Amino acid sequence: MRIPVRATAIIAIAGGVTAAAIIAWTAASSPPTASAAGDVGAAVARSAPGLAKPSATPSATPPVRLIGAPTGVQARAGLLADANTGAVLWSRGLNTELPMGSITKVMTALVVIRAGDLNREIRIPKSVIAYVSKYGGESAGLIPGDVVTAQELLEAMLLPSGCDAAYTLAMAYGPGMPAFLAKMNKTAKQLGMLHTRFTSPDGLPYPTEFSTFSTPKDLVTLGMAAMKSAVFRSIVAQPFYQLHKGPGHHAYWWDNDNDLIGTYPGATGIKTGYTNAALHCLLFSASRHGLNLIGVVLGSPATSPAAGAEAAAKVLNWGFSLPRT
C-alpha cells in the first residue's frame, strides 16, 4: 500500500484568480535603489527593462498600501503579487528573460495534472539513469523497473526536484519528449506567458544554459495557475513524502528542498530552481491573516544553498509588513 505522509496543515492560496489579471499588469519606471541594484547584463538577459514599481490597474488594486521596497534582495529579477487579485506589490526586471532551473517542473506538473489519470501506473525506464547522469541533474533516486503512479512521480519531481521523475512523466505523458515539450509550450501560450520557452521538462541546461527561460511576470502567472490545483497545492506544501515499499516498487523518502516550508510561517510552496547560469531561484507563496502572497526571485547569488529562500523571505517580510488598505 502506498501511504503518503502529508503536512498537518496546508494553507491554500485562494482560488478564482485568472492569468489575465497578471497579463494586464503595467509597470512604471522608478529610480534604482541600493537594495534593487544589479541590472542583468545583455549576455544573460534578452531584455532588461530595469527596475519597475508597477502601478495597479483598476481590476487589480493592491490590498495593502505600498511603502518603499524590500531591502537586501540581491536577486537579478523578482516579483511579489497579491495572489487573490494579481495586483503587483513589487518587481524587478518584470519581463526580463532568464533561465529558472527547476522551476520549469511546475509547468511539467501542470501539464500532467491537467491531463489527469494521476493513478496511472508508470514503469521507471532504464534510460532515466543515463539521462540524469548526462546532464548532471538532481535525482529522486528512482529505480528502473519500479512501477509507481503518476501522482507519486509528481511527489518525486516537486519535492526533491527529481529530474528522473520529470523525464519519466514526460516520456509517459507526451508520449515521448518532443510531444511533451510541445504541450508545455502550448500551455504557456494559453496562459499568456509570452516570454517563456521550454526545451526540457526539468530546467536542465540543454541544448544550452539559456534555452529554457522565463520572466518574473510569466512565472507568477504559472504559479497562480498551478496553485489552483488542490493536488499541486497539497504536494508543494509538504515537508516530505514517504512511499512505503509495495508490490512493484521500492520504498522512497523525498524531502522538500524548498527551505521556506516548515521554517517560514505561512509558507505554502512552491518550487526551487538552480543551474550554474540561473543561480538560485524560487517561486514561492505564503499566507498570513487573510493576505495571500505569491512571488518569484531569479538569479540570487550562490552564497548558500538557501540563497533563494533567503531572498524570498526578505520579499515576503516586506509584503506582510505593509499596512492594509
C-alpha atoms as a PDB file:
ATOM      1  CA  MET A   1       0.000   0.000   0.000  1.00  0.00           C
ATOM      2  CA  ARG A   2       1.210   3.472  -0.852  1.00  0.00           C
ATOM      3  CA  ILE A   3       0.784   5.746   2.196  1.00  0.00           C
ATOM      4  CA  PRO A   4       1.531   9.427   1.760  1.00  0.00           C
ATOM      5  CA  VAL A   5       2.669  11.361   4.809  1.00  0.00           C
ATOM      6  CA  ARG A   6       1.269  14.874   4.497  1.00  0.00           C
ATOM      7  CA  ALA A   7       1.902  18.124   6.304  1.00  0.00           C
ATOM      8  CA  THR A   8      -0.649  18.622   9.053  1.00  0.00           C
ATOM      9  CA  ALA A   9      -1.913  21.924   7.707  1.00  0.00           C
ATOM     10  CA  ILE A  10      -1.952  23.283   4.186  1.00  0.00           C
ATOM     11  CA  ILE A  11      -2.792  26.950   3.796  1.00  0.00           C
ATOM     12  CA  ALA A  12      -4.059  27.137   0.223  1.00  0.00           C
ATOM     13  CA  ILE A  13      -3.820  30.166  -1.999  1.00  0.00           C
ATOM     14  CA  ALA A  14      -7.334  31.434  -2.672  1.00  0.00           C
ATOM     15  CA  GLY A  15      -8.774  30.295  -5.985  1.00  0.00           C
ATOM     16  CA  GLY A  16     -10.542  32.173  -8.702  1.00  0.00           C
ATOM     17  CA  VAL A  17      -7.500  34.055  -9.973  1.00  0.00           C
ATOM     18  CA  THR A  18      -7.164  34.317 -13.725  1.00  0.00           C
ATOM     19  CA  ALA A  19      -3.946  34.636 -15.670  1.00  0.00           C
ATOM     20  CA  ALA A  20      -5.460  37.713 -17.293  1.00  0.00           C
ATOM     21  CA  ALA A  21      -5.026  39.640 -14.063  1.00  0.00           C
ATOM     22  CA  ILE A  22      -1.281  39.227 -14.358  1.00  0.00           C
ATOM     23  CA  ILE A  23      -1.111  39.640 -18.125  1.00  0.00           C
ATOM     24  CA  ALA A  24      -2.724  43.063 -17.717  1.00  0.00           C
ATOM     25  CA  TRP A  25      -0.018  44.331 -15.375  1.00  0.00           C
ATOM     26  CA  THR A  26       1.645  47.611 -16.284  1.00  0.00           C
ATOM     27  CA  ALA A  27       4.925  48.913 -14.913  1.00  0.00           C
ATOM     28  CA  ALA A  28       6.137  52.460 -14.472  1.00  0.00           C
ATOM     29  CA  SER A  29       9.861  53.169 -14.233  1.00  0.00           C
ATOM     30  CA  SER A  30      11.325  54.103 -10.873  1.00  0.00           C
ATOM     31  CA  PRO A  31      14.852  55.157  -9.902  1.00  0.00           C
ATOM     32  CA  PRO A  32      17.196  52.353  -8.797  1.00  0.00           C
ATOM     33  CA  THR A  33      17.818  51.964  -5.090  1.00  0.00           C
ATOM     34  CA  ALA A  34      20.705  50.362  -3.266  1.00  0.00           C
ATOM     35  CA  SER A  35      18.577  47.327  -2.442  1.00  0.00           C
ATOM     36  CA  ALA A  36      17.437  46.910  -6.012  1.00  0.00           C
ATOM     37  CA  ALA A  37      20.758  47.332  -7.775  1.00  0.00           C
ATOM     38  CA  GLY A  38      22.229  44.905 -10.239  1.00  0.00           C
ATOM     39  CA  ASP A  39      20.564  45.047 -13.643  1.00  0.00           C
ATOM     40  CA  VAL A  40      21.072  41.923 -15.693  1.00  0.00           C
ATOM     41  CA  GLY A  41      23.705  42.142 -18.423  1.00  0.00           C
ATOM     42  CA  ALA A  42      22.858  41.563 -22.044  1.00  0.00           C
ATOM     43  CA  ALA A  43      24.812  38.322 -22.033  1.00  0.00           C
ATOM     44  CA  VAL A  44      22.350  36.904 -19.529  1.00  0.00           C
ATOM     45  CA  ALA A  45      19.045  38.623 -20.280  1.00  0.00           C
ATOM     46  CA  ARG A  46      17.338  39.035 -23.617  1.00  0.00           C
ATOM     47  CA  SER A  47      15.556  42.109 -22.346  1.00  0.00           C
ATOM     48  CA  ALA A  48      16.375  44.316 -19.383  1.00  0.00           C
ATOM     49  CA  PRO A  49      13.673  46.844 -18.559  1.00  0.00           C
ATOM     50  CA  GLY A  50      15.431  47.505 -15.258  1.00  0.00           C
ATOM     51  CA  LEU A  51      13.689  48.245 -12.021  1.00  0.00           C
ATOM     52  CA  ALA A  52       9.992  48.844 -12.007  1.00  0.00           C
ATOM     53  CA  LYS A  53       7.415  49.908  -9.490  1.00  0.00           C
ATOM     54  CA  PRO A  54       4.227  48.511 -11.028  1.00  0.00           C
ATOM     55  CA  SER A  55       1.077  50.577 -10.884  1.00  0.00           C
ATOM     56  CA  ALA A  56      -2.088  48.705 -10.080  1.00  0.00           C
ATOM     57  CA  THR A  57      -4.821  48.553 -12.648  1.00  0.00           C
ATOM     58  CA  PRO A  58      -8.482  49.195 -11.668  1.00  0.00           C
ATOM     59  CA  SER A  59      -9.104  45.449 -11.815  1.00  0.00           C
ATOM     60  CA  ALA A  60      -6.083  44.654  -9.657  1.00  0.00           C
ATOM     61  CA  THR A  61      -5.985  47.024  -6.701  1.00  0.00           C
ATOM     62  CA  PRO A  62      -3.416  46.102  -4.052  1.00  0.00           C
ATOM     63  CA  PRO A  63      -4.882  45.006  -0.688  1.00  0.00           C
ATOM     64  CA  VAL A  64      -2.039  46.874   1.023  1.00  0.00           C
ATOM     65  CA  ARG A  65      -0.573  50.368   0.899  1.00  0.00           C
ATOM     66  CA  LEU A  66       2.743  50.271  -0.956  1.00  0.00           C
ATOM     67  CA  ILE A  67       5.604  51.815   1.019  1.00  0.00           C
ATOM     68  CA  GLY A  68       9.239  51.536  -0.037  1.00  0.00           C
ATOM     69  CA  ALA A  69      10.634  48.255  -1.337  1.00  0.00           C
ATOM     70  CA  PRO A  70      12.211  45.061   0.002  1.00  0.00           C
ATOM     71  CA  THR A  71      15.780  45.603   1.172  1.00  0.00           C
ATOM     72  CA  GLY A  72      18.823  43.383   0.863  1.00  0.00           C
ATOM     73  CA  VAL A  73      17.444  41.373  -2.061  1.00  0.00           C
ATOM     74  CA  GLN A  74      20.308  40.567  -4.418  1.00  0.00           C
ATOM     75  CA  ALA A  75      18.283  38.585  -6.954  1.00  0.00           C
ATOM     76  CA  ARG A  76      18.682  39.596 -10.598  1.00  0.00           C
ATOM     77  CA  ALA A  77      14.928  39.760 -11.030  1.00  0.00           C
ATOM     78  CA  GLY A  78      11.809  39.160  -8.988  1.00  0.00           C
ATOM     79  CA  LEU A  79       8.183  39.922  -8.318  1.00  0.00           C
ATOM     80  CA  LEU A  80       5.688  39.895  -5.458  1.00  0.00           C
ATOM     81  CA  ALA A  81       1.937  39.941  -6.029  1.00  0.00           C
ATOM     82  CA  ASP A  82      -1.340  39.544  -4.199  1.00  0.00           C
ATOM     83  CA  ALA A  83      -2.471  36.039  -5.124  1.00  0.00           C
ATOM     84  CA  ASN A  84      -6.157  36.924  -4.858  1.00  0.00           C
ATOM     85  CA  THR A  85      -6.194  39.754  -7.394  1.00  0.00           C
ATOM     86  CA  GLY A  86      -2.889  39.604  -9.245  1.00  0.00           C
ATOM     87  CA  ALA A  87      -2.001  43.124  -8.091  1.00  0.00           C
ATOM     88  CA  VAL A  88       1.759  43.667  -8.220  1.00  0.00           C
ATOM     89  CA  LEU A  89       3.336  44.870  -4.986  1.00  0.00           C
ATOM     90  CA  TRP A  90       6.980  44.887  -6.089  1.00  0.00           C
ATOM     91  CA  SER A  91       9.008  43.877  -9.112  1.00  0.00           C
ATOM     92  CA  ARG A  92      12.481  43.963 -10.558  1.00  0.00           C
ATOM     93  CA  GLY A  93      13.022  43.107 -14.214  1.00  0.00           C
ATOM     94  CA  LEU A  94       9.345  42.240 -14.664  1.00  0.00           C
ATOM     95  CA  ASN A  95       9.789  40.991 -18.244  1.00  0.00           C
ATOM     96  CA  THR A  96      13.488  40.090 -18.120  1.00  0.00           C
ATOM     97  CA  GLU A  97      14.016  36.677 -19.726  1.00  0.00           C
ATOM     98  CA  LEU A  98      16.224  34.455 -17.582  1.00  0.00           C
ATOM     99  CA  PRO A  99      16.879  30.752 -17.025  1.00  0.00           C
ATOM    100  CA  MET A 100      14.978  29.482 -13.970  1.00  0.00           C
ATOM    101  CA  GLY A 101      16.270  25.949 -13.431  1.00  0.00           C
ATOM    102  CA  SER A 102      13.861  23.512 -11.857  1.00  0.00           C
ATOM    103  CA  ILE A 103      11.010  25.986 -11.543  1.00  0.00           C
ATOM    104  CA  THR A 104      10.398  24.526 -15.011  1.00  0.00           C
ATOM    105  CA  LYS A 105       8.975  21.472 -13.258  1.00  0.00           C
ATOM    106  CA  VAL A 106       5.922  23.492 -12.215  1.00  0.00           C
ATOM    107  CA  MET A 107       4.860  23.554 -15.873  1.00  0.00           C
ATOM    108  CA  THR A 108       5.585  19.842 -16.195  1.00  0.00           C
ATOM    109  CA  ALA A 109       3.361  19.206 -13.185  1.00  0.00           C
ATOM    110  CA  LEU A 110       0.604  21.445 -14.551  1.00  0.00           C
ATOM    111  CA  VAL A 111       0.580  19.634 -17.911  1.00  0.00           C
ATOM    112  CA  VAL A 112       0.372  16.244 -16.172  1.00  0.00           C
ATOM    113  CA  ILE A 113      -2.312  17.327 -13.704  1.00  0.00           C
ATOM    114  CA  ARG A 114      -4.448  18.788 -16.475  1.00  0.00           C
ATOM    115  CA  ALA A 115      -4.076  15.573 -18.469  1.00  0.00           C
ATOM    116  CA  GLY A 116      -5.436  13.663 -15.480  1.00  0.00           C
ATOM    117  CA  ASP A 117      -5.289   9.945 -14.704  1.00  0.00           C
ATOM    118  CA  LEU A 118      -2.927  10.504 -11.783  1.00  0.00           C
ATOM    119  CA  ASN A 119      -3.489   6.932 -10.565  1.00  0.00           C
ATOM    120  CA  ARG A 120      -1.950   5.707 -13.801  1.00  0.00           C
ATOM    121  CA  GLU A 121       0.886   3.273 -13.113  1.00  0.00           C
ATOM    122  CA  ILE A 122       4.153   4.071 -14.857  1.00  0.00           C
ATOM    123  CA  ARG A 123       7.278   1.934 -15.058  1.00  0.00           C
ATOM    124  CA  ILE A 124      10.566   3.773 -14.486  1.00  0.00           C
ATOM    125  CA  PRO A 125      12.547   3.378 -17.734  1.00  0.00           C
ATOM    126  CA  LYS A 126      16.165   2.212 -17.838  1.00  0.00           C
ATOM    127  CA  SER A 127      17.078   5.272 -19.892  1.00  0.00           C
ATOM    128  CA  VAL A 128      16.448   7.577 -16.914  1.00  0.00           C
ATOM    129  CA  ILE A 129      19.839   6.782 -15.352  1.00  0.00           C
ATOM    130  CA  ALA A 130      21.798   7.864 -18.419  1.00  0.00           C
ATOM    131  CA  TYR A 131      19.608  10.964 -18.811  1.00  0.00           C
ATOM    132  CA  VAL A 132      20.226  12.250 -15.283  1.00  0.00           C
ATOM    133  CA  SER A 133      23.916  11.367 -15.445  1.00  0.00           C
ATOM    134  CA  LYS A 134      24.465  13.080 -18.805  1.00  0.00           C
ATOM    135  CA  TYR A 135      23.055  16.412 -17.673  1.00  0.00           C
ATOM    136  CA  GLY A 136      24.078  16.283 -14.012  1.00  0.00           C
ATOM    137  CA  GLY A 137      20.507  16.626 -12.808  1.00  0.00           C
ATOM    138  CA  GLU A 138      19.064  16.173  -9.338  1.00  0.00           C
ATOM    139  CA  SER A 139      17.661  12.703  -8.799  1.00  0.00           C
ATOM    140  CA  ALA A 140      14.858  11.364  -6.637  1.00  0.00           C
ATOM    141  CA  GLY A 141      16.660   8.025  -6.642  1.00  0.00           C
ATOM    142  CA  LEU A 142      14.064   6.287  -8.792  1.00  0.00           C
ATOM    143  CA  ILE A 143      14.988   2.687  -9.568  1.00  0.00           C
ATOM    144  CA  PRO A 144      14.444   1.495 -13.172  1.00  0.00           C
ATOM    145  CA  GLY A 145      11.799  -1.195 -13.334  1.00  0.00           C
ATOM    146  CA  ASP A 146       9.832   0.136 -10.358  1.00  0.00           C
ATOM    147  CA  VAL A 147       6.167   0.833 -11.052  1.00  0.00           C
ATOM    148  CA  VAL A 148       4.692   3.919  -9.371  1.00  0.00           C
ATOM    149  CA  THR A 149       1.718   6.165 -10.021  1.00  0.00           C
ATOM    150  CA  ALA A 150       1.792   9.484 -11.857  1.00  0.00           C
ATOM    151  CA  GLN A 151       0.942  11.294  -8.622  1.00  0.00           C
ATOM    152  CA  GLU A 152       3.829   9.612  -6.830  1.00  0.00           C
ATOM    153  CA  LEU A 153       6.095  10.794  -9.638  1.00  0.00           C
ATOM    154  CA  LEU A 154       4.781  14.321  -9.091  1.00  0.00           C
ATOM    155  CA  GLU A 155       5.856  13.996  -5.466  1.00  0.00           C
ATOM    156  CA  ALA A 156       9.309  12.834  -6.562  1.00  0.00           C
ATOM    157  CA  MET A 157       9.605  15.698  -9.031  1.00  0.00           C
ATOM    158  CA  LEU A 158       8.299  18.609  -6.961  1.00  0.00           C
ATOM    159  CA  LEU A 159       9.784  17.828  -3.529  1.00  0.00           C
ATOM    160  CA  PRO A 160      13.409  16.663  -4.045  1.00  0.00           C
ATOM    161  CA  SER A 161      13.337  18.126  -7.575  1.00  0.00           C
ATOM    162  CA  GLY A 162      13.889  14.777  -9.253  1.00  0.00           C
ATOM    163  CA  CYS A 163      14.850  15.168 -12.902  1.00  0.00           C
ATOM    164  CA  ASP A 164      14.414  11.402 -13.199  1.00  0.00           C
ATOM    165  CA  ALA A 165      10.747  11.861 -12.270  1.00  0.00           C
ATOM    166  CA  ALA A 166      10.305  14.736 -14.742  1.00  0.00           C
ATOM    167  CA  TYR A 167      11.849  12.656 -17.520  1.00  0.00           C
ATOM    168  CA  THR A 168       9.629   9.676 -16.701  1.00  0.00           C
ATOM    169  CA  LEU A 169       6.464  11.805 -16.680  1.00  0.00           C
ATOM    170  CA  ALA A 170       7.381  13.499 -19.949  1.00  0.00           C
ATOM    171  CA  MET A 171       8.032  10.192 -21.688  1.00  0.00           C
ATOM    172  CA  ALA A 172       4.719   8.790 -20.450  1.00  0.00           C
ATOM    173  CA  TYR A 173       2.506  11.839 -20.965  1.00  0.00           C
ATOM    174  CA  GLY A 174       3.986  13.068 -24.267  1.00  0.00           C
ATOM    175  CA  PRO A 175       4.143  10.360 -25.138  1.00  0.00           C
ATOM    176  CA  GLY A 176       7.812  11.000 -25.772  1.00  0.00           C
ATOM    177  CA  MET A 177       9.925  14.077 -25.083  1.00  0.00           C
ATOM    178  CA  PRO A 178       9.184  16.153 -28.236  1.00  0.00           C
ATOM    179  CA  ALA A 179       5.420  15.788 -27.799  1.00  0.00           C
ATOM    180  CA  PHE A 180       5.584  16.678 -24.116  1.00  0.00           C
ATOM    181  CA  LEU A 181       7.703  19.784 -24.729  1.00  0.00           C
ATOM    182  CA  ALA A 182       5.165  20.870 -27.342  1.00  0.00           C
ATOM    183  CA  LYS A 183       2.436  20.558 -24.693  1.00  0.00           C
ATOM    184  CA  MET A 184       4.456  22.618 -22.233  1.00  0.00           C
ATOM    185  CA  ASN A 185       4.971  25.442 -24.714  1.00  0.00           C
ATOM    186  CA  LYS A 186       1.342  25.303 -25.841  1.00  0.00           C
ATOM    187  CA  THR A 187       0.167  25.615 -22.245  1.00  0.00           C
ATOM    188  CA  ALA A 188       2.491  28.573 -21.726  1.00  0.00           C
ATOM    189  CA  LYS A 189       0.923  30.364 -24.682  1.00  0.00           C
ATOM    190  CA  GLN A 190      -2.564  29.590 -23.428  1.00  0.00           C
ATOM    191  CA  LEU A 191      -1.671  31.154 -20.066  1.00  0.00           C
ATOM    192  CA  GLY A 192      -0.318  34.262 -21.782  1.00  0.00           C
ATOM    193  CA  MET A 193       3.298  33.525 -20.878  1.00  0.00           C
ATOM    194  CA  LEU A 194       4.648  35.459 -23.828  1.00  0.00           C
ATOM    195  CA  HIS A 195       8.303  35.489 -22.785  1.00  0.00           C
ATOM    196  CA  THR A 196       8.737  31.819 -21.894  1.00  0.00           C
ATOM    197  CA  ARG A 197      10.205  28.834 -23.723  1.00  0.00           C
ATOM    198  CA  PHE A 198      10.751  25.243 -22.619  1.00  0.00           C
ATOM    199  CA  THR A 199      13.337  22.895 -24.136  1.00  0.00           C
ATOM    200  CA  SER A 200      13.338  20.433 -21.229  1.00  0.00           C
ATOM    201  CA  PRO A 201      10.779  19.164 -18.704  1.00  0.00           C
ATOM    202  CA  ASP A 202      13.059  19.912 -15.772  1.00  0.00           C
ATOM    203  CA  GLY A 203      15.121  23.033 -16.489  1.00  0.00           C
ATOM    204  CA  LEU A 204      18.351  21.179 -17.174  1.00  0.00           C
ATOM    205  CA  PRO A 205      20.673  23.268 -19.365  1.00  0.00           C
ATOM    206  CA  TYR A 206      20.210  21.725 -22.780  1.00  0.00           C
ATOM    207  CA  PRO A 207      20.785  22.371 -25.554  1.00  0.00           C
ATOM    208  CA  THR A 208      22.256  25.498 -23.882  1.00  0.00           C
ATOM    209  CA  GLU A 209      22.191  27.176 -20.455  1.00  0.00           C
ATOM    210  CA  PHE A 210      19.662  29.716 -21.747  1.00  0.00           C
ATOM    211  CA  SER A 211      17.411  27.546 -23.944  1.00  0.00           C
ATOM    212  CA  THR A 212      14.706  27.278 -21.293  1.00  0.00           C
ATOM    213  CA  PHE A 213      13.805  30.705 -19.967  1.00  0.00           C
ATOM    214  CA  SER A 214      11.004  32.781 -18.496  1.00  0.00           C
ATOM    215  CA  THR A 215      10.343  36.067 -16.698  1.00  0.00           C
ATOM    216  CA  PRO A 216       9.140  37.008 -13.209  1.00  0.00           C
ATOM    217  CA  LYS A 217       5.766  38.014 -14.651  1.00  0.00           C
ATOM    218  CA  ASP A 218       5.326  34.764 -16.569  1.00  0.00           C
ATOM    219  CA  LEU A 219       6.440  32.578 -13.679  1.00  0.00           C
ATOM    220  CA  VAL A 220       3.991  34.145 -11.249  1.00  0.00           C
ATOM    221  CA  THR A 221       1.301  33.579 -13.882  1.00  0.00           C
ATOM    222  CA  LEU A 222       2.366  29.921 -13.964  1.00  0.00           C
ATOM    223  CA  GLY A 223       2.443  29.688 -10.179  1.00  0.00           C
ATOM    224  CA  MET A 224      -1.064  31.091  -9.839  1.00  0.00           C
ATOM    225  CA  ALA A 225      -2.364  28.620 -12.411  1.00  0.00           C
ATOM    226  CA  ALA A 226      -0.687  25.657 -10.689  1.00  0.00           C
ATOM    227  CA  MET A 227      -1.870  26.677  -7.218  1.00  0.00           C
ATOM    228  CA  LYS A 228      -5.478  26.413  -8.378  1.00  0.00           C
ATOM    229  CA  SER A 229      -4.972  22.641  -8.309  1.00  0.00           C
ATOM    230  CA  ALA A 230      -5.637  21.045  -4.927  1.00  0.00           C
ATOM    231  CA  VAL A 231      -3.317  18.183  -5.850  1.00  0.00           C
ATOM    232  CA  PHE A 232      -0.483  20.570  -6.651  1.00  0.00           C
ATOM    233  CA  ARG A 233      -1.048  22.657  -3.513  1.00  0.00           C
ATOM    234  CA  SER A 234      -1.020  19.597  -1.273  1.00  0.00           C
ATOM    235  CA  ILE A 235       2.272  18.374  -2.728  1.00  0.00           C
ATOM    236  CA  VAL A 236       4.294  21.592  -2.578  1.00  0.00           C
ATOM    237  CA  ALA A 237       3.192  22.411   0.985  1.00  0.00           C
ATOM    238  CA  GLN A 238       4.606  19.164   2.425  1.00  0.00           C
ATOM    239  CA  PRO A 239       7.930  18.965   4.244  1.00  0.00           C
ATOM    240  CA  PHE A 240       8.388  15.401   2.951  1.00  0.00           C
ATOM    241  CA  TYR A 241       6.664  12.436   1.346  1.00  0.00           C
ATOM    242  CA  GLN A 242       7.106   8.788   2.251  1.00  0.00           C
ATOM    243  CA  LEU A 243       6.299   5.950  -0.122  1.00  0.00           C
ATOM    244  CA  HIS A 244       6.392   2.603   1.638  1.00  0.00           C
ATOM    245  CA  LYS A 245       7.677  -0.456  -0.157  1.00  0.00           C
ATOM    246  CA  GLY A 246       4.884  -2.171  -2.053  1.00  0.00           C
ATOM    247  CA  PRO A 247       4.146  -4.520  -4.928  1.00  0.00           C
ATOM    248  CA  GLY A 248       6.293  -3.468  -7.853  1.00  0.00           C
ATOM    249  CA  HIS A 249       8.334  -0.734  -6.193  1.00  0.00           C
ATOM    250  CA  HIS A 250      10.917   0.014  -3.524  1.00  0.00           C
ATOM    251  CA  ALA A 251      10.446   2.331  -0.547  1.00  0.00           C
ATOM    252  CA  TYR A 252      11.210   6.033  -1.060  1.00  0.00           C
ATOM    253  CA  TRP A 253      11.506   9.113   1.133  1.00  0.00           C
ATOM    254  CA  TRP A 254      11.535  12.535  -0.504  1.00  0.00           C
ATOM    255  CA  ASP A 255      12.278  15.740   1.406  1.00  0.00           C
ATOM    256  CA  ASN A 256      11.046  19.115   0.181  1.00  0.00           C
ATOM    257  CA  ASP A 257      14.077  21.175  -0.906  1.00  0.00           C
ATOM    258  CA  ASN A 258      12.146  24.448  -0.506  1.00  0.00           C
ATOM    259  CA  ASP A 259      13.701  25.854   2.674  1.00  0.00           C
ATOM    260  CA  LEU A 260      10.656  28.043   3.360  1.00  0.00           C
ATOM    261  CA  ILE A 261       8.445  25.028   4.057  1.00  0.00           C
ATOM    262  CA  GLY A 262       8.446  24.273   7.755  1.00  0.00           C
ATOM    263  CA  THR A 263      10.551  27.310   8.655  1.00  0.00           C
ATOM    264  CA  TYR A 264       8.778  30.385   7.286  1.00  0.00           C
ATOM    265  CA  PRO A 265       5.389  30.953   8.991  1.00  0.00           C
ATOM    266  CA  GLY A 266       2.580  30.618   6.488  1.00  0.00           C
ATOM    267  CA  ALA A 267       4.697  29.288   3.605  1.00  0.00           C
ATOM    268  CA  THR A 268       2.653  27.165   1.197  1.00  0.00           C
ATOM    269  CA  GLY A 269       5.090  26.449  -1.686  1.00  0.00           C
ATOM    270  CA  ILE A 270       6.164  26.427  -4.445  1.00  0.00           C
ATOM    271  CA  LYS A 271       9.385  25.334  -6.250  1.00  0.00           C
ATOM    272  CA  THR A 272      13.128  25.854  -6.177  1.00  0.00           C
ATOM    273  CA  GLY A 273      15.464  26.148  -9.155  1.00  0.00           C
ATOM    274  CA  TYR A 274      19.206  26.197  -9.732  1.00  0.00           C
ATOM    275  CA  THR A 275      21.752  25.869 -12.536  1.00  0.00           C
ATOM    276  CA  ASN A 276      25.149  27.492 -12.983  1.00  0.00           C
ATOM    277  CA  ALA A 277      23.537  30.102 -15.230  1.00  0.00           C
ATOM    278  CA  ALA A 278      20.237  30.507 -13.370  1.00  0.00           C
ATOM    279  CA  LEU A 279      21.828  30.648  -9.907  1.00  0.00           C
ATOM    280  CA  HIS A 280      19.354  30.274  -7.024  1.00  0.00           C
ATOM    281  CA  CYS A 281      15.692  30.745  -7.942  1.00  0.00           C
ATOM    282  CA  LEU A 282      12.468  30.261  -6.029  1.00  0.00           C
ATOM    283  CA  LEU A 283       8.823  30.506  -6.979  1.00  0.00           C
ATOM    284  CA  PHE A 284       7.104  30.970  -3.620  1.00  0.00           C
ATOM    285  CA  SER A 285       3.778  31.535  -1.881  1.00  0.00           C
ATOM    286  CA  ALA A 286       2.678  32.260   1.664  1.00  0.00           C
ATOM    287  CA  SER A 287      -0.479  33.198   3.536  1.00  0.00           C
ATOM    288  CA  ARG A 288      -0.953  35.170   6.764  1.00  0.00           C
ATOM    289  CA  HIS A 289      -4.044  36.698   8.317  1.00  0.00           C
ATOM    290  CA  GLY A 290      -6.028  36.558   5.082  1.00  0.00           C
ATOM    291  CA  LEU A 291      -3.262  38.041   2.922  1.00  0.00           C
ATOM    292  CA  ASN A 292      -2.132  35.589   0.232  1.00  0.00           C
ATOM    293  CA  LEU A 293       1.136  36.456  -1.473  1.00  0.00           C
ATOM    294  CA  ILE A 294       2.879  34.825  -4.424  1.00  0.00           C
ATOM    295  CA  GLY A 295       6.191  35.734  -5.952  1.00  0.00           C
ATOM    296  CA  VAL A 296       9.473  34.711  -7.502  1.00  0.00           C
ATOM    297  CA  VAL A 297      13.154  35.557  -7.206  1.00  0.00           C
ATOM    298  CA  LEU A 298      15.556  34.690 -10.027  1.00  0.00           C
ATOM    299  CA  GLY A 299      19.332  34.700 -10.004  1.00  0.00           C
ATOM    300  CA  SER A 300      20.154  35.020  -6.318  1.00  0.00           C
ATOM    301  CA  PRO A 301      23.945  34.773  -5.832  1.00  0.00           C
ATOM    302  CA  ALA A 302      25.204  31.331  -4.872  1.00  0.00           C
ATOM    303  CA  THR A 303      26.190  32.364  -1.353  1.00  0.00           C
ATOM    304  CA  SER A 304      24.483  29.315   0.165  1.00  0.00           C
ATOM    305  CA  PRO A 305      22.068  26.546  -0.883  1.00  0.00           C
ATOM    306  CA  ALA A 306      19.293  28.548   0.783  1.00  0.00           C
ATOM    307  CA  ALA A 307      20.042  31.795  -1.094  1.00  0.00           C
ATOM    308  CA  GLY A 308      16.746  31.686  -2.984  1.00  0.00           C
ATOM    309  CA  ALA A 309      14.723  31.118   0.173  1.00  0.00           C
ATOM    310  CA  GLU A 310      16.601  33.876   1.988  1.00  0.00           C
ATOM    311  CA  ALA A 311      15.786  36.351  -0.788  1.00  0.00           C
ATOM    312  CA  ALA A 312      12.157  35.217  -0.886  1.00  0.00           C
ATOM    313  CA  ALA A 313      11.835  35.627   2.880  1.00  0.00           C
ATOM    314  CA  LYS A 314      13.023  39.241   2.643  1.00  0.00           C
ATOM    315  CA  VAL A 315      10.455  39.963  -0.060  1.00  0.00           C
ATOM    316  CA  LEU A 316       7.676  38.258   1.909  1.00  0.00           C
ATOM    317  CA  ASN A 317       8.620  40.015   5.142  1.00  0.00           C
ATOM    318  CA  TRP A 318       8.265  43.338   3.368  1.00  0.00           C
ATOM    319  CA  GLY A 319       4.933  42.336   1.833  1.00  0.00           C
ATOM    320  CA  PHE A 320       3.410  41.146   5.075  1.00  0.00           C
ATOM    321  CA  SER A 321       4.593  44.288   6.882  1.00  0.00           C
ATOM    322  CA  LEU A 322       2.685  46.651   4.575  1.00  0.00           C
ATOM    323  CA  PRO A 323      -0.386  48.366   6.046  1.00  0.00           C
ATOM    324  CA  ARG A 324      -3.679  47.025   4.790  1.00  0.00           C
ATOM    325  CA  THR A 325      -5.963  49.158   2.680  1.00  0.00           C
END
